[in-house]
Amino acid sequence: MEYSFFYFSVIIVIALTFFLRVFKESTFPRIIIGITTIGYSLINDTIFGLFYKLFYYISPQESALYSVLAAVLIYPFLNIIYVSFMPQNRANVAIYTAIWIGAMLVFEYFSLVTKTIVFTGWQPFPWSIITYIIAYNWIYFFYKYLLKRSLQIF
């Protein structure tokens, strides 16, 4: 079940990203968000999963592999979708981000139920929520910075 859910998630997220390209073109800032998300995800999973052993993907022996696969095939595409449809108004961004955090918690729940991710010390409340708040704030401010800089370059 854990493998099925993992690969199903990969297929759905990538397919959704390419489908949504019909509505939103790929831009330099969006691509940079995707690329930097890989690094952010790898750092997070390495520190908390592999070093502190607070969670693992699929099995302890395969965790490093699936951590890399998730960092490359799931999280960048999710964050590209996130920034592609982000509202302009800050109040709406807060609501939009809260909805995304809720969706990520639901995704995390299904990952736990299917044993795609196994928590050995990590707690969804408060650690997942704090991690998502930090991550989405980082993405928001970095994306705004990239938008500002890309307009100056072009």
Protein backbone atom coordinates (compact mmCIF):
# COMPACT_ATOMS: atom_id res chain seq x y z
CA MET A 1 0.00 0.00 0.00
CA GLU A 2 2.85 2.38 0.87
CA TYR A 3 4.46 2.03 -2.58
CA SER A 4 1.13 2.43 -4.36
CA PHE A 5 0.29 5.61 -2.47
CA PHE A 6 3.76 7.07 -3.03
CA TYR A 7 3.81 6.48 -6.78
CA PHE A 8 0.15 7.42 -7.17
CA SER A 9 0.98 10.74 -5.44
CA VAL A 10 3.91 11.30 -7.79
CA ILE A 11 1.79 10.65 -10.87
CA ILE A 12 -1.11 12.83 -9.69
CA VAL A 13 1.07 15.79 -8.66
CA ILE A 14 3.10 15.78 -11.88
CA ALA A 15 0.01 15.31 -14.06
CA LEU A 16 -1.81 18.10 -12.23
CA THR A 17 1.18 20.41 -12.68
CA PHE A 18 1.32 19.81 -16.42
CA PHE A 19 -2.47 20.10 -16.76
CA LEU A 20 -2.44 23.42 -14.89
CA ARG A 21 0.23 24.76 -17.26
CA VAL A 22 -2.66 25.27 -19.65
CA PHE A 23 -3.87 28.06 -17.33
CA LYS A 24 -0.54 29.33 -15.97
CA GLU A 25 2.68 29.38 -17.96
CA SER A 26 5.98 28.39 -16.45
CA THR A 27 7.94 31.43 -15.39
CA PHE A 28 11.48 31.83 -14.14
CA PRO A 29 10.37 32.53 -10.52
CA ARG A 30 8.11 29.46 -10.49
CA ILE A 31 10.88 27.24 -11.81
CA ILE A 32 13.30 28.61 -9.20
CA ILE A 33 10.74 27.87 -6.46
CA GLY A 34 10.56 24.29 -7.70
CA ILE A 35 14.34 23.90 -7.79
CA THR A 36 14.93 25.45 -4.36
CA THR A 37 12.14 23.33 -2.91
CA ILE A 38 14.24 20.28 -3.74
CA GLY A 39 17.04 21.59 -1.55
CA TYR A 40 14.69 22.65 1.24
CA SER A 41 12.99 19.24 1.25
CA LEU A 42 16.27 17.35 1.23
CA ILE A 43 17.65 19.42 4.10
CA ASN A 44 14.45 18.97 6.13
CA ASP A 45 14.24 15.22 5.51
CA THR A 46 17.96 14.70 6.11
CA ILE A 47 17.98 16.52 9.43
CA PHE A 48 14.67 15.33 10.87
CA GLY A 49 14.28 11.97 9.14
CA LEU A 50 17.72 10.55 8.55
CA PHE A 51 19.79 12.24 11.28
CA TYR A 52 17.31 12.51 14.17
CA LYS A 53 15.27 9.50 12.95
CA LEU A 54 11.94 11.18 13.73
CA PHE A 55 10.31 9.62 10.65
CA TYR A 56 11.08 7.53 7.60
CA TYR A 57 9.63 6.89 4.17
CA ILE A 58 8.41 3.35 3.36
CA SER A 59 11.07 1.54 5.46
CA PRO A 60 14.17 2.61 7.38
CA GLN A 61 16.38 0.94 4.74
CA GLU A 62 14.67 2.69 1.81
CA SER A 63 14.02 6.04 3.47
CA ALA A 64 16.93 7.91 1.91
CA LEU A 65 15.87 6.86 -1.59
CA TYR A 66 12.22 7.82 -1.07
CA SER A 67 13.23 11.05 0.62
CA VAL A 68 15.13 12.02 -2.52
CA LEU A 69 12.29 10.87 -4.79
CA ALA A 70 9.75 12.91 -2.80
CA ALA A 71 12.05 15.94 -2.80
CA VAL A 72 12.44 15.74 -6.58
CA LEU A 73 9.07 14.41 -7.77
CA ILE A 74 6.43 15.66 -5.31
CA TYR A 75 7.29 18.77 -3.32
CA PRO A 76 8.66 20.98 -6.12
CA PHE A 77 5.56 20.43 -8.21
CA LEU A 78 3.24 21.10 -5.29
CA ASN A 79 5.02 24.37 -4.58
CA ILE A 80 4.95 25.39 -8.24
CA ILE A 81 1.18 24.88 -8.15
CA TYR A 82 1.02 26.85 -4.87
CA VAL A 83 2.79 29.92 -6.27
CA SER A 84 1.06 29.69 -9.65
CA PHE A 85 -2.36 30.34 -8.15
CA MET A 86 -1.35 32.51 -5.20
CA PRO A 87 -3.65 35.54 -4.84
CA GLN A 88 -2.22 39.07 -4.94
CA ASN A 89 -3.96 40.37 -1.80
CA ARG A 90 -2.06 39.55 1.42
CA ALA A 91 -5.25 38.73 3.35
CA ASN A 92 -6.26 36.30 0.63
CA VAL A 93 -2.75 34.84 0.63
CA ALA A 94 -3.13 34.04 4.34
CA ILE A 95 -6.41 32.20 3.70
CA TYR A 96 -4.99 30.49 0.61
CA THR A 97 -1.92 29.37 2.55
CA ALA A 98 -4.03 28.11 5.46
CA ILE A 99 -5.99 25.99 2.98
CA TRP A 100 -2.74 24.63 1.53
CA ILE A 101 -1.45 23.80 5.00
CA GLY A 102 -4.71 21.98 5.72
CA ALA A 103 -4.39 20.08 2.44
CA MET A 104 -0.80 19.14 3.28
CA LEU A 105 -1.92 17.85 6.68
CA VAL A 106 -4.56 15.71 4.95
CA PHE A 107 -1.91 14.44 2.50
CA GLU A 108 0.35 13.69 5.47
CA TYR A 109 -2.50 11.83 7.20
CA PHE A 110 -3.02 9.58 4.16
CA SER A 111 0.74 9.06 3.95
CA LEU A 112 0.65 7.87 7.56
CA VAL A 113 -2.40 5.64 7.09
CA THR A 114 -0.80 3.94 4.09
CA LYS A 115 2.57 3.73 5.91
CA THR A 116 4.26 5.71 3.15
CA ILE A 117 5.63 7.86 5.97
CA VAL A 118 6.10 6.39 9.44
CA PHE A 119 6.55 8.71 12.42
CA THR A 120 8.94 7.39 15.03
CA GLY A 121 9.19 10.58 17.06
CA TRP A 122 7.72 13.32 14.88
CA GLN A 123 4.37 14.74 15.97
CA PRO A 124 1.98 16.31 13.45
CA PHE A 125 0.82 18.70 16.14
CA PRO A 126 2.73 20.98 16.52
CA TRP A 127 5.77 20.03 14.37
CA SER A 128 4.12 19.49 10.99
CA ILE A 129 2.07 22.64 11.36
CA ILE A 130 5.12 24.69 12.36
CA THR A 131 7.14 23.20 9.50
CA TYR A 132 4.41 24.01 6.96
CA ILE A 133 4.01 27.56 8.29
CA ILE A 134 7.76 28.16 8.00
CA ALA A 135 7.95 26.52 4.57
CA TYR A 136 5.03 28.42 3.07
CA ASN A 137 6.21 31.73 4.51
CA TRP A 138 9.65 31.08 3.06
CA ILE A 139 8.11 30.20 -0.32
CA TYR A 140 5.85 33.26 -0.28
CA PHE A 141 8.57 35.78 0.54
CA PHE A 142 11.15 34.17 -1.74
CA TYR A 143 8.63 34.07 -4.59
CA LYS A 144 7.75 37.74 -4.10
CA TYR A 145 11.47 38.56 -4.12
CA LEU A 146 11.97 36.55 -7.31
CA LEU A 147 9.04 38.29 -8.99
CA LYS A 148 10.47 41.67 -8.10
CA ARG A 149 13.96 40.73 -9.29
CA SER A 150 12.78 39.07 -12.50
CA LEU A 151 10.85 42.19 -13.49
CA GLN A 152 14.03 44.23 -13.06
CA ILE A 153 16.08 41.80 -15.14
CA PHE A 154 13.65 41.55 -18.03
